[in-house]
């Protein structure tokens, strides 16, 4: 019998860590430099936070409670081994709150307007702290990957079998005319309101639309 619950959890953890690794490469922190523009790099750290919270959610819930019973002991052991690493990650207590208030629902906290000051949240702040955070996540994942190396390969193969065929290509043949009609409608509304606005819409080359 396939260990589908374990496979699903391993794949999600793998996906999160892979994305964190890619984002780290884009920023350049693993090389001790910031490759991206400072503001662009900051936005990439937001995505790292999203993936990290997803990783921790999966690790703390499904990877703990929702795997097949014959894998429970191995999960318990790898979690015990990883506990010192997770203890240090969890020192940043507001990762999920920062995700919810600043990233997922920017500038709102339960409907109330807030200024997104990361200094009010216990999360990695400096580039150094972000690099440390990324490395701790890598350490945690490495323990899981070593213990379940064979199952991870099976998990990736299993998820591939779940992929559905891609949908048929979209038909964009009427896109340019539709946007011209949209602009005309906007202009008509502007005129009725005595607004001297002008909406210039792009016209797209549709020769390579399927690529």
Protein backbone atom coordinates (compact mmCIF):
# COMPACT_ATOMS: atom_id res chain seq x y z
CA UNK A 1 0.00 0.00 0.00
CA UNK A 2 1.29 3.43 -0.92
CA UNK A 3 2.11 5.79 1.93
CA UNK A 4 0.02 8.54 0.37
CA UNK A 5 -0.30 10.68 3.51
CA UNK A 6 3.43 10.57 4.09
CA UNK A 7 4.07 11.24 0.40
CA UNK A 8 1.83 14.30 0.43
CA UNK A 9 3.50 15.73 3.50
CA UNK A 10 7.02 15.05 2.26
CA UNK A 11 6.22 16.65 -1.07
CA UNK A 12 4.84 19.81 0.53
CA UNK A 13 7.90 20.12 2.76
CA UNK A 14 10.14 19.51 -0.26
CA UNK A 15 8.25 22.09 -2.33
CA UNK A 16 8.52 24.75 0.37
CA UNK A 17 12.23 24.16 0.93
CA UNK A 18 12.95 24.11 -2.82
CA UNK A 19 11.23 27.46 -3.26
CA UNK A 20 13.11 28.93 -0.29
CA UNK A 21 16.37 27.72 -1.85
CA UNK A 22 15.50 29.34 -5.18
CA UNK A 23 14.53 32.61 -3.53
CA UNK A 24 17.74 32.58 -1.52
CA UNK A 25 19.70 32.20 -4.76
CA UNK A 26 17.85 35.12 -6.31
CA UNK A 27 18.65 37.34 -3.34
CA UNK A 28 22.22 36.08 -3.05
CA UNK A 29 22.37 35.78 0.74
CA UNK A 30 23.90 32.32 0.56
CA UNK A 31 26.86 33.95 -1.21
CA UNK A 32 27.11 36.77 1.29
CA UNK A 33 25.86 39.43 -1.13
CA UNK A 34 22.53 40.81 -2.27
CA UNK A 35 22.14 40.18 -5.98
CA UNK A 36 18.77 41.81 -6.38
CA UNK A 37 17.85 45.45 -5.95
CA UNK A 38 17.31 46.11 -2.24
CA UNK A 39 13.55 46.65 -2.57
CA UNK A 40 13.16 43.66 -4.88
CA UNK A 41 15.15 41.53 -2.46
CA UNK A 42 12.87 42.63 0.37
CA UNK A 43 9.83 41.44 -1.60
CA UNK A 44 11.54 38.10 -2.14
CA UNK A 45 11.95 37.75 1.63
CA UNK A 46 8.17 38.09 1.91
CA UNK A 47 7.82 35.02 -0.31
CA UNK A 48 10.39 33.22 1.86
CA UNK A 49 8.19 34.00 4.87
CA UNK A 50 5.16 32.55 3.05
CA UNK A 51 6.99 29.34 2.20
CA UNK A 52 8.51 29.08 5.68
CA UNK A 53 5.13 29.40 7.40
CA UNK A 54 3.68 26.81 5.01
CA UNK A 55 6.62 24.51 5.82
CA UNK A 56 6.15 24.92 9.56
CA UNK A 57 2.37 24.44 9.29
CA UNK A 58 2.87 21.19 7.42
CA UNK A 59 5.65 20.03 9.73
CA UNK A 60 3.69 20.77 12.89
CA UNK A 61 0.34 19.37 11.74
CA UNK A 62 0.17 16.82 8.94
CA UNK A 63 3.74 15.52 9.19
CA UNK A 64 3.11 14.95 12.89
CA UNK A 65 -0.48 13.68 12.97
CA UNK A 66 -1.51 12.58 9.51
CA UNK A 67 1.03 10.03 8.26
CA UNK A 68 0.44 6.29 8.09
CA UNK A 69 0.93 4.50 11.46
CA UNK A 70 3.86 2.43 10.22
CA UNK A 71 5.83 5.67 9.67
CA UNK A 72 4.87 7.33 12.95
CA UNK A 73 7.91 6.16 14.89
CA UNK A 74 10.35 7.39 12.23
CA UNK A 75 8.55 10.72 12.12
CA UNK A 76 8.74 10.94 15.92
CA UNK A 77 12.45 10.23 15.85
CA UNK A 78 13.31 12.73 13.14
CA UNK A 79 11.26 15.35 14.94
CA UNK A 80 13.17 14.62 18.13
CA UNK A 81 16.47 14.95 16.27
CA UNK A 82 15.30 18.21 14.70
CA UNK A 83 13.91 19.70 17.90
CA UNK A 84 17.02 21.84 18.69
CA UNK A 85 16.80 23.34 15.19
CA UNK A 86 13.08 24.04 15.44
CA UNK A 87 13.62 25.57 18.88
CA UNK A 88 15.81 28.24 17.28
CA UNK A 89 13.44 28.81 14.35
CA UNK A 90 10.56 29.25 16.78
CA UNK A 91 12.36 32.07 18.56
CA UNK A 92 10.83 34.19 15.81
CA UNK A 93 7.36 33.99 17.27
CA UNK A 94 5.50 36.24 14.83
CA UNK A 95 6.21 34.55 11.50
CA UNK A 96 2.58 33.59 10.95
CA UNK A 97 1.24 36.89 12.27
CA UNK A 98 3.60 38.79 9.95
CA UNK A 99 2.44 36.60 7.07
CA UNK A 100 -1.19 37.32 7.84
CA UNK A 101 -0.99 41.06 8.60
CA UNK A 102 1.79 42.29 6.35
CA UNK A 103 2.03 39.87 3.42
CA UNK A 104 -1.33 38.17 2.93
CA UNK A 105 -3.47 41.10 4.08
CA UNK A 106 -1.14 44.09 3.74
CA UNK A 107 -1.70 47.10 5.96
CA UNK A 108 -4.71 45.59 7.72
CA UNK A 109 -5.05 43.84 11.07
CA UNK A 110 -8.64 42.63 11.59
CA UNK A 111 -9.77 45.45 9.32
CA UNK A 112 -7.79 48.13 11.14
CA UNK A 113 -5.24 50.11 9.10
CA UNK A 114 -1.68 49.48 10.23
CA UNK A 115 1.68 50.69 9.03
CA UNK A 116 3.73 47.60 8.05
CA UNK A 117 6.59 48.14 10.45
CA UNK A 118 8.47 44.86 10.74
CA UNK A 119 10.10 46.21 13.89
CA UNK A 120 6.88 45.48 15.78
CA UNK A 121 7.04 41.80 14.82
CA UNK A 122 9.37 39.15 16.16
CA UNK A 123 10.63 38.00 12.75
CA UNK A 124 14.00 38.05 10.99
CA UNK A 125 14.75 41.72 10.29
CA UNK A 126 18.29 42.24 9.05
CA UNK A 127 19.81 40.52 6.03
CA UNK A 128 22.00 38.59 8.45
CA UNK A 129 19.01 37.34 10.42
CA UNK A 130 17.23 36.35 7.21
CA UNK A 131 20.30 34.37 6.12
CA UNK A 132 20.39 32.63 9.52
CA UNK A 133 16.65 31.89 9.23
CA UNK A 134 17.07 30.37 5.78
CA UNK A 135 19.94 28.20 6.95
CA UNK A 136 17.99 26.94 9.97
CA UNK A 137 15.15 25.93 7.64
CA UNK A 138 17.67 24.11 5.47
CA UNK A 139 19.04 22.28 8.50
CA UNK A 140 15.55 21.21 9.57
CA UNK A 141 14.68 19.94 6.11
CA UNK A 142 17.99 18.10 5.77
CA UNK A 143 17.11 15.89 8.76
CA UNK A 144 13.76 14.97 7.19
CA UNK A 145 15.34 14.40 3.78
CA UNK A 146 18.04 12.10 5.17
CA UNK A 147 15.56 9.99 7.13
CA UNK A 148 13.05 9.73 4.28
CA UNK A 149 15.35 9.87 1.27
CA UNK A 150 13.81 6.85 -0.44
CA UNK A 151 10.25 7.88 0.39
CA UNK A 152 10.87 11.39 -0.92
CA UNK A 153 11.73 10.03 -4.36
CA UNK A 154 8.58 7.94 -4.22
CA UNK A 155 6.58 10.97 -3.10
CA UNK A 156 7.76 13.03 -6.08
CA UNK A 157 6.85 10.18 -8.45
CA UNK A 158 3.48 9.78 -6.73
CA UNK A 159 2.59 13.47 -7.08
CA UNK A 160 3.50 13.31 -10.76
CA UNK A 161 0.82 10.63 -11.21
CA UNK A 162 -1.74 13.04 -9.76
CA UNK A 163 -1.12 15.76 -12.32
CA UNK A 164 -4.02 16.29 -14.67
CA UNK A 165 -3.59 17.06 -18.38
CA UNK A 166 -3.14 20.77 -19.11
CA UNK A 167 -6.20 22.64 -20.35
CA UNK A 168 -6.49 23.47 -24.04
CA UNK A 169 -4.76 26.69 -25.12
CA UNK A 170 -6.75 29.84 -24.47
CA UNK A 171 -8.18 31.68 -27.43
CA UNK A 172 -6.86 35.27 -27.47
CA UNK A 173 -7.99 36.10 -30.97
CA UNK A 174 -10.50 38.66 -29.73
CA UNK A 175 -8.31 40.14 -26.98
CA UNK A 176 -7.14 43.28 -28.80
CA UNK A 177 -10.62 44.22 -29.95
CA UNK A 178 -12.04 43.49 -26.51
CA UNK A 179 -9.55 45.87 -24.88
CA UNK A 180 -10.28 48.55 -27.46
CA UNK A 181 -13.98 48.18 -26.64
CA UNK A 182 -13.14 48.37 -22.95
CA UNK A 183 -11.20 51.60 -23.50
CA UNK A 184 -14.10 53.04 -25.49
CA UNK A 185 -16.45 52.22 -22.62
CA UNK A 186 -14.10 53.90 -20.14
CA UNK A 187 -13.91 57.01 -22.34
CA UNK A 188 -17.69 57.14 -22.61
CA UNK A 189 -18.04 57.02 -18.81
CA UNK A 190 -15.35 59.69 -18.41
CA UNK A 191 -17.14 61.96 -20.85
CA UNK A 192 -20.44 61.53 -18.98
CA UNK A 193 -18.66 62.59 -15.78
CA UNK A 194 -16.77 65.47 -17.43
CA UNK A 195 -13.45 63.78 -16.71
CA UNK A 196 -10.63 64.47 -19.11
CA UNK A 197 -9.04 61.04 -18.72
CA UNK A 198 -7.63 58.97 -21.54
CA UNK A 199 -6.98 55.26 -21.32
CA UNK A 200 -4.39 54.01 -23.78
CA UNK A 201 -4.46 50.24 -24.08
CA UNK A 202 -1.74 48.02 -25.47
CA UNK A 203 -2.26 45.89 -28.54
CA UNK A 204 -0.69 42.46 -28.32
CA UNK A 205 1.12 40.40 -30.91
CA UNK A 206 -0.68 37.08 -30.80
CA UNK A 207 1.63 35.04 -33.03
CA UNK A 208 3.38 33.37 -30.09
CA UNK A 209 0.41 33.10 -27.74
CA UNK A 210 0.78 29.34 -27.31
CA UNK A 211 4.42 29.53 -26.23
